[in-house]
């Protein structure tokens, strides 16, 4: 998959996360550019590693999640939360020195979401809060964020209400690869 954080194609509630429909198949042949795409590999390829990349300006940073699954669809499509354990420092490397998260909770993984509907959620990534609870997240780094407020990123870093490196709304071009 390739996700443009400036667009709403793959926001958290997009039907593409929960179905077996491709999007812009030719975009899968153009490597690390800015063409969004969802390939049939989303639902048909088993893997043991997920490589996540975010391109901001002309710099791309990658991280790897070791996780065996039948497909990305099997991890994401049902909307169930599945934890990862990379830690906030590793997630912040996707953004680089401008990354910002609130200091508490740090819930990470697949389909991470607040119990409050109007707060942050993410298909793949990390959520953090300015209070020591996981109910009202105000910051996120990841892929498939809600983009609720006009202009908010759907892939990248959104942080408000006292995050560790200031308020942010960083839109990234995201790459999700499996091996």
Protein backbone atom coordinates (compact mmCIF):
# COMPACT_ATOMS: atom_id res chain seq x y z
CA UNK A 1 0.00 0.00 0.00
CA UNK A 2 0.95 3.60 -0.53
CA UNK A 3 -0.92 6.30 1.37
CA UNK A 4 -0.78 10.05 0.80
CA UNK A 5 -1.32 11.81 4.14
CA UNK A 6 -2.68 14.86 2.29
CA UNK A 7 -5.60 12.85 0.92
CA UNK A 8 -8.56 11.10 2.57
CA UNK A 9 -8.47 7.91 0.46
CA UNK A 10 -7.12 5.79 3.34
CA UNK A 11 -8.42 7.67 6.41
CA UNK A 12 -9.28 5.45 9.38
CA UNK A 13 -12.92 4.89 8.37
CA UNK A 14 -12.20 4.28 4.68
CA UNK A 15 -13.85 1.17 3.29
CA UNK A 16 -10.50 0.13 1.79
CA UNK A 17 -9.17 -1.10 5.16
CA UNK A 18 -12.02 -3.60 5.53
CA UNK A 19 -12.51 -4.92 2.01
CA UNK A 20 -10.76 -6.87 -0.70
CA UNK A 21 -10.96 -4.17 -3.36
CA UNK A 22 -7.86 -2.84 -5.05
CA UNK A 23 -7.19 0.84 -5.56
CA UNK A 24 -5.12 2.30 -8.42
CA UNK A 25 -3.40 -0.93 -9.42
CA UNK A 26 -0.92 0.85 -11.77
CA UNK A 27 0.34 2.82 -8.73
CA UNK A 28 1.85 -0.42 -7.45
CA UNK A 29 4.33 -0.43 -10.31
CA UNK A 30 5.79 3.02 -9.66
CA UNK A 31 7.93 2.31 -6.57
CA UNK A 32 8.41 4.98 -3.87
CA UNK A 33 6.54 7.84 -5.47
CA UNK A 34 3.39 9.74 -4.42
CA UNK A 35 0.79 7.57 -6.17
CA UNK A 36 -1.60 5.99 -3.70
CA UNK A 37 -2.34 2.31 -4.22
CA UNK A 38 -3.81 -0.78 -2.59
CA UNK A 39 -2.79 -4.02 -4.24
CA UNK A 40 -4.35 -7.51 -4.03
CA UNK A 41 -1.37 -8.45 -1.82
CA UNK A 42 -3.26 -6.62 0.98
CA UNK A 43 -5.57 -9.62 1.35
CA UNK A 44 -3.64 -12.40 -0.41
CA UNK A 45 -0.05 -12.38 0.88
CA UNK A 46 1.14 -13.98 4.11
CA UNK A 47 4.21 -12.49 5.78
CA UNK A 48 6.48 -12.46 8.81
CA UNK A 49 7.63 -8.81 8.62
CA UNK A 50 6.00 -5.49 7.83
CA UNK A 51 8.19 -2.65 6.62
CA UNK A 52 6.67 0.78 7.24
CA UNK A 53 8.03 3.90 5.61
CA UNK A 54 7.15 7.57 5.74
CA UNK A 55 8.43 10.14 3.27
CA UNK A 56 8.39 13.76 4.39
CA UNK A 57 9.77 16.25 1.90
CA UNK A 58 12.43 14.11 0.20
CA UNK A 59 13.53 11.98 3.16
CA UNK A 60 12.09 8.51 3.81
CA UNK A 61 12.45 6.68 7.12
CA UNK A 62 11.58 3.01 7.67
CA UNK A 63 10.85 0.73 10.61
CA UNK A 64 10.13 -3.02 10.69
CA UNK A 65 7.48 -4.89 12.68
CA UNK A 66 8.08 -8.61 13.11
CA UNK A 67 4.62 -10.15 12.94
CA UNK A 68 3.39 -13.29 11.22
CA UNK A 69 -0.03 -13.08 9.60
CA UNK A 70 -2.01 -14.48 6.70
CA UNK A 71 -2.34 -10.95 5.26
CA UNK A 72 -2.60 -7.28 6.21
CA UNK A 73 -6.35 -7.66 5.76
CA UNK A 74 -6.37 -10.40 8.43
CA UNK A 75 -4.68 -7.98 10.87
CA UNK A 76 -6.63 -4.83 10.03
CA UNK A 77 -9.87 -5.66 8.20
CA UNK A 78 -11.90 -6.79 11.20
CA UNK A 79 -11.15 -3.62 13.19
CA UNK A 80 -9.88 -5.54 16.24
CA UNK A 81 -6.98 -4.05 18.19
CA UNK A 82 -3.71 -5.98 17.96
CA UNK A 83 -0.79 -4.65 19.98
CA UNK A 84 2.80 -4.19 18.86
CA UNK A 85 5.77 -3.43 21.10
CA UNK A 86 8.12 -1.17 19.16
CA UNK A 87 7.92 1.71 21.66
CA UNK A 88 7.34 5.42 21.13
CA UNK A 89 10.98 6.19 20.28
CA UNK A 90 10.95 3.75 17.36
CA UNK A 91 7.61 5.06 16.02
CA UNK A 92 8.96 8.62 16.18
CA UNK A 93 11.86 7.66 13.89
CA UNK A 94 9.34 7.41 11.02
CA UNK A 95 8.90 11.19 11.25
CA UNK A 96 12.40 12.20 12.35
CA UNK A 97 13.41 15.10 14.59
CA UNK A 98 10.07 16.91 14.16
CA UNK A 99 8.05 14.00 15.61
CA UNK A 100 5.83 14.84 18.57
CA UNK A 101 3.66 12.75 20.89
CA UNK A 102 2.02 13.34 24.22
CA UNK A 103 3.79 11.59 27.05
CA UNK A 104 1.28 9.07 28.41
CA UNK A 105 -0.48 5.84 27.48
CA UNK A 106 1.43 5.06 24.24
CA UNK A 107 -0.97 2.50 22.80
CA UNK A 108 0.49 1.04 19.63
CA UNK A 109 -0.41 -1.56 17.05
CA UNK A 110 -3.12 -2.32 14.51
CA UNK A 111 -6.54 -0.64 14.90
CA UNK A 112 -5.51 1.29 18.01
CA UNK A 113 -8.35 3.59 19.06
CA UNK A 114 -9.66 5.73 21.86
CA UNK A 115 -12.83 4.73 23.67
CA UNK A 116 -14.09 8.23 22.86
CA UNK A 117 -15.29 8.45 19.23
CA UNK A 118 -14.09 12.01 18.69
CA UNK A 119 -10.46 11.26 19.57
CA UNK A 120 -7.49 9.82 17.69
CA UNK A 121 -7.32 6.36 16.23
CA UNK A 122 -4.98 4.67 13.76
CA UNK A 123 -4.94 1.57 11.56
CA UNK A 124 -1.18 1.05 12.05
CA UNK A 125 0.72 3.22 14.51
CA UNK A 126 0.88 4.69 18.01
CA UNK A 127 -1.47 6.88 20.03
CA UNK A 128 -0.50 8.94 23.07
CA UNK A 129 -2.30 11.11 25.61
CA UNK A 130 -1.53 14.07 27.87
CA UNK A 131 -3.32 12.29 30.75
CA UNK A 132 -2.33 8.94 32.21
CA UNK A 133 -5.27 7.08 30.62
CA UNK A 134 -6.03 5.63 27.21
CA UNK A 135 -9.46 7.19 26.72
CA UNK A 136 -8.84 10.58 25.13
CA UNK A 137 -5.81 10.45 22.83
CA UNK A 138 -4.77 13.70 21.15
CA UNK A 139 -1.63 12.57 19.33
CA UNK A 140 -0.80 9.93 16.76
CA UNK A 141 1.92 8.72 14.44
CA UNK A 142 0.76 6.26 11.86
CA UNK A 143 -1.08 5.08 8.79
CA UNK A 144 -4.83 5.48 8.42
CA UNK A 145 -5.62 8.20 10.92
CA UNK A 146 -9.07 9.85 10.96
CA UNK A 147 -8.12 13.19 9.46
CA UNK A 148 -11.16 14.53 11.38
CA UNK A 149 -10.26 18.20 11.46
CA UNK A 150 -9.96 19.92 8.07
CA UNK A 151 -6.39 19.60 6.86
CA UNK A 152 -5.36 16.88 9.33
CA UNK A 153 -3.00 14.21 8.07
CA UNK A 154 -4.30 10.70 7.35
CA UNK A 155 -0.72 9.38 7.35
CA UNK A 156 2.00 11.02 9.42
CA UNK A 157 1.96 12.80 12.79
CA UNK A 158 -0.81 14.83 14.40
CA UNK A 159 -0.18 16.07 17.95
CA UNK A 160 -2.06 18.57 20.11
CA UNK A 161 -2.52 19.50 23.78
CA UNK A 162 0.98 19.50 25.21
CA UNK A 163 2.97 16.98 23.16
CA UNK A 164 6.71 16.58 23.79
CA UNK A 165 7.86 18.47 20.66
CA UNK A 166 5.04 20.97 20.10
CA UNK A 167 1.79 20.79 18.16
CA UNK A 168 2.19 19.05 14.79
CA UNK A 169 0.23 18.16 11.68
CA UNK A 170 2.85 16.46 9.51
CA UNK A 171 1.53 14.86 6.33
CA UNK A 172 3.66 11.98 5.07
CA UNK A 173 3.62 9.71 2.08
CA UNK A 174 3.34 6.27 3.65
CA UNK A 175 4.58 2.93 2.37
CA UNK A 176 3.43 -0.41 3.78
CA UNK A 177 5.38 -3.41 2.51
CA UNK A 178 5.32 -7.05 3.64
CA UNK A 179 7.86 -9.84 3.49
